[in-house]
Amino acid sequence: MNSAEFLATIRLNRANAAILKRLPELGAPQAHLVAGALFQTVWNVRGGQAPEAGIRDYDLFYWDADPSYEAEDAVIRRAADLFADLGVRVEVRNQARVHLWFPQKHGLTRPPLGSAREGIDQFLDAAKAADYRARWG
């Protein structure tokens, strides 16, 4: 699957399509729709299921130099308003804050991130590691 096919496939999911269209309106720097909402949509379409099947939430990563809870909460509230009509759970996380809450939630440390892309890369690395452990122990 090339990138054009991937983008066309993920847009078959009505929530993905709407989120991607509206994402610039969120006003969050470096905002990206990421994770399971994308990959699960592809697996669903390839498996003959509805594009939205089994998707629990739609993750948005962004990066803002202000790592305060208040700043992130403001973006979360804007997202709730912007995507309210979609009837899906949208989870928004400032990647500049991950190192502050990750150890308490998951028992693992993370270095401070300098961009949303670094957060995406760490997520993909964690997914690869989990897949390796599941396959090879």
Protein backbone atom coordinates (compact mmCIF):
# COMPACT_ATOMS: atom_id res chain seq x y z
CA MET A 1 0.00 0.00 0.00
CA ASN A 2 1.47 3.34 -0.99
CA SER A 3 0.84 6.61 0.84
CA ALA A 4 -1.97 7.71 -1.50
CA GLU A 5 -3.78 4.40 -0.98
CA PHE A 6 -3.24 4.64 2.78
CA LEU A 7 -4.73 8.15 2.90
CA ALA A 8 -7.69 7.14 0.75
CA THR A 9 -8.32 4.10 2.94
CA ILE A 10 -8.19 5.92 6.27
CA ARG A 11 -10.62 8.52 4.91
CA LEU A 12 -13.20 5.75 4.36
CA ASN A 13 -13.68 6.03 8.12
CA ARG A 14 -16.06 9.00 8.42
CA ALA A 15 -14.58 10.10 11.76
CA ASN A 16 -11.01 10.04 10.41
CA ALA A 17 -12.09 12.05 7.38
CA ALA A 18 -13.86 14.67 9.49
CA ILE A 19 -11.06 14.93 12.05
CA LEU A 20 -8.43 15.36 9.35
CA LYS A 21 -10.52 18.01 7.61
CA ARG A 22 -11.12 19.97 10.82
CA LEU A 23 -7.72 19.48 12.44
CA PRO A 24 -6.33 22.89 11.34
CA GLU A 25 -9.29 24.54 13.13
CA LEU A 26 -8.11 23.08 16.45
CA GLY A 27 -5.27 25.59 16.54
CA ALA A 28 -2.85 23.14 18.12
CA PRO A 29 0.71 23.23 16.77
CA GLN A 30 2.01 20.14 14.97
CA ALA A 31 -1.35 18.35 15.32
CA HIS A 32 -1.62 14.80 13.96
CA LEU A 33 -4.26 12.08 13.99
CA VAL A 34 -2.34 8.96 15.02
CA ALA A 35 -2.40 5.35 16.15
CA GLY A 36 -5.19 2.83 16.12
CA ALA A 37 -7.76 4.97 14.37
CA LEU A 38 -5.55 4.83 11.31
CA PHE A 39 -4.20 1.29 11.46
CA GLN A 40 -7.47 -0.30 12.59
CA THR A 41 -9.29 1.41 9.73
CA VAL A 42 -6.88 -0.14 7.22
CA TRP A 43 -7.21 -3.59 8.81
CA ASN A 44 -10.99 -3.25 8.87
CA VAL A 45 -11.23 -2.28 5.21
CA ARG A 46 -8.84 -5.01 4.13
CA GLY A 47 -10.77 -7.53 6.25
CA GLY A 48 -14.15 -6.56 4.80
CA GLN A 49 -15.45 -4.87 7.96
CA ALA A 50 -16.89 -1.41 8.41
CA PRO A 51 -14.04 1.14 8.49
CA GLU A 52 -15.00 2.27 12.02
CA ALA A 53 -15.33 -1.23 13.53
CA GLY A 54 -13.70 -1.74 16.90
CA ILE A 55 -12.09 1.69 17.17
CA ARG A 56 -12.28 2.82 20.80
CA ASP A 57 -10.85 6.29 20.38
CA TYR A 58 -9.17 8.71 18.02
CA ASP A 59 -5.79 9.94 19.28
CA LEU A 60 -4.50 13.39 18.45
CA PHE A 61 -0.89 14.27 19.19
CA TYR A 62 0.33 17.84 19.11
CA TRP A 63 3.35 19.65 20.51
CA ASP A 64 3.26 22.96 22.32
CA ALA A 65 6.17 24.35 24.32
CA ASP A 66 3.77 25.12 27.19
CA PRO A 67 3.69 21.83 29.13
CA SER A 68 1.12 23.02 31.66
CA TYR A 69 -1.99 21.00 32.37
CA GLU A 70 -4.06 24.15 31.86
CA ALA A 71 -2.76 24.71 28.32
CA GLU A 72 -3.38 21.08 27.35
CA ASP A 73 -6.83 21.17 28.94
CA ALA A 74 -7.74 24.20 26.82
CA VAL A 75 -6.88 22.23 23.66
CA ILE A 76 -8.81 19.20 24.95
CA ARG A 77 -11.90 21.41 25.49
CA ARG A 78 -11.57 22.94 22.01
CA ALA A 79 -11.33 19.45 20.53
CA ALA A 80 -14.42 18.33 22.45
CA ASP A 81 -16.39 21.18 20.88
CA LEU A 82 -14.89 20.77 17.41
CA PHE A 83 -15.56 17.03 17.18
CA ALA A 84 -18.69 16.72 19.37
CA ASP A 85 -21.00 15.90 16.47
CA LEU A 86 -18.94 12.87 15.41
CA GLY A 87 -20.06 10.70 18.31
CA VAL A 88 -16.55 9.30 18.89
CA ARG A 89 -14.04 9.62 21.70
CA VAL A 90 -11.16 11.93 20.75
CA GLU A 91 -8.11 11.88 23.03
CA VAL A 92 -5.75 14.83 22.78
CA ARG A 93 -2.22 14.84 24.20
CA ASN A 94 0.49 17.48 24.12
CA GLN A 95 3.66 15.52 23.48
CA ALA A 96 5.64 18.12 25.44
CA ARG A 97 3.85 16.81 28.58
CA VAL A 98 4.30 13.05 28.13
CA HIS A 99 7.44 12.83 30.26
CA LEU A 100 5.52 14.43 33.15
CA TRP A 101 2.74 11.83 33.46
CA PHE A 102 4.04 8.71 31.71
CA PRO A 103 6.13 7.30 34.61
CA GLN A 104 3.21 7.45 37.05
CA LYS A 105 0.76 5.91 34.59
CA HIS A 106 3.01 3.25 33.02
CA GLY A 107 5.97 2.86 35.38
CA LEU A 108 8.43 3.80 32.63
CA THR A 109 10.35 7.02 32.11
CA ARG A 110 10.32 8.98 28.88
CA PRO A 111 12.63 11.81 27.91
CA PRO A 112 11.13 15.22 27.15
CA LEU A 113 10.05 15.40 23.52
CA GLY A 114 10.86 18.26 21.18
CA SER A 115 8.10 17.68 18.62
CA ALA A 116 4.93 15.77 17.91
CA ARG A 117 6.94 13.69 15.44
CA GLU A 118 9.17 12.45 18.28
CA GLY A 119 6.02 11.31 20.10
CA ILE A 120 4.82 9.47 17.01
CA ASP A 121 8.21 7.82 16.63
CA GLN A 122 8.20 6.68 20.27
CA PHE A 123 4.68 5.32 19.85
CA LEU A 124 5.73 3.37 16.77
CA ASP A 125 8.84 2.07 18.53
CA ALA A 126 6.70 0.89 21.46
CA ALA A 127 4.29 -0.81 19.06
CA LYS A 128 7.16 -2.59 17.33
CA ALA A 129 8.53 -3.74 20.68
CA ALA A 130 5.13 -5.01 21.80
CA ASP A 131 4.69 -6.88 18.52
CA TYR A 132 8.14 -8.43 18.90
CA ARG A 133 7.38 -9.54 22.48
CA ALA A 134 4.03 -10.99 21.40
CA ARG A 135 5.62 -12.94 18.55
CA TRP A 136 8.92 -13.99 20.07
CA GLY A 137 8.49 -13.66 23.85
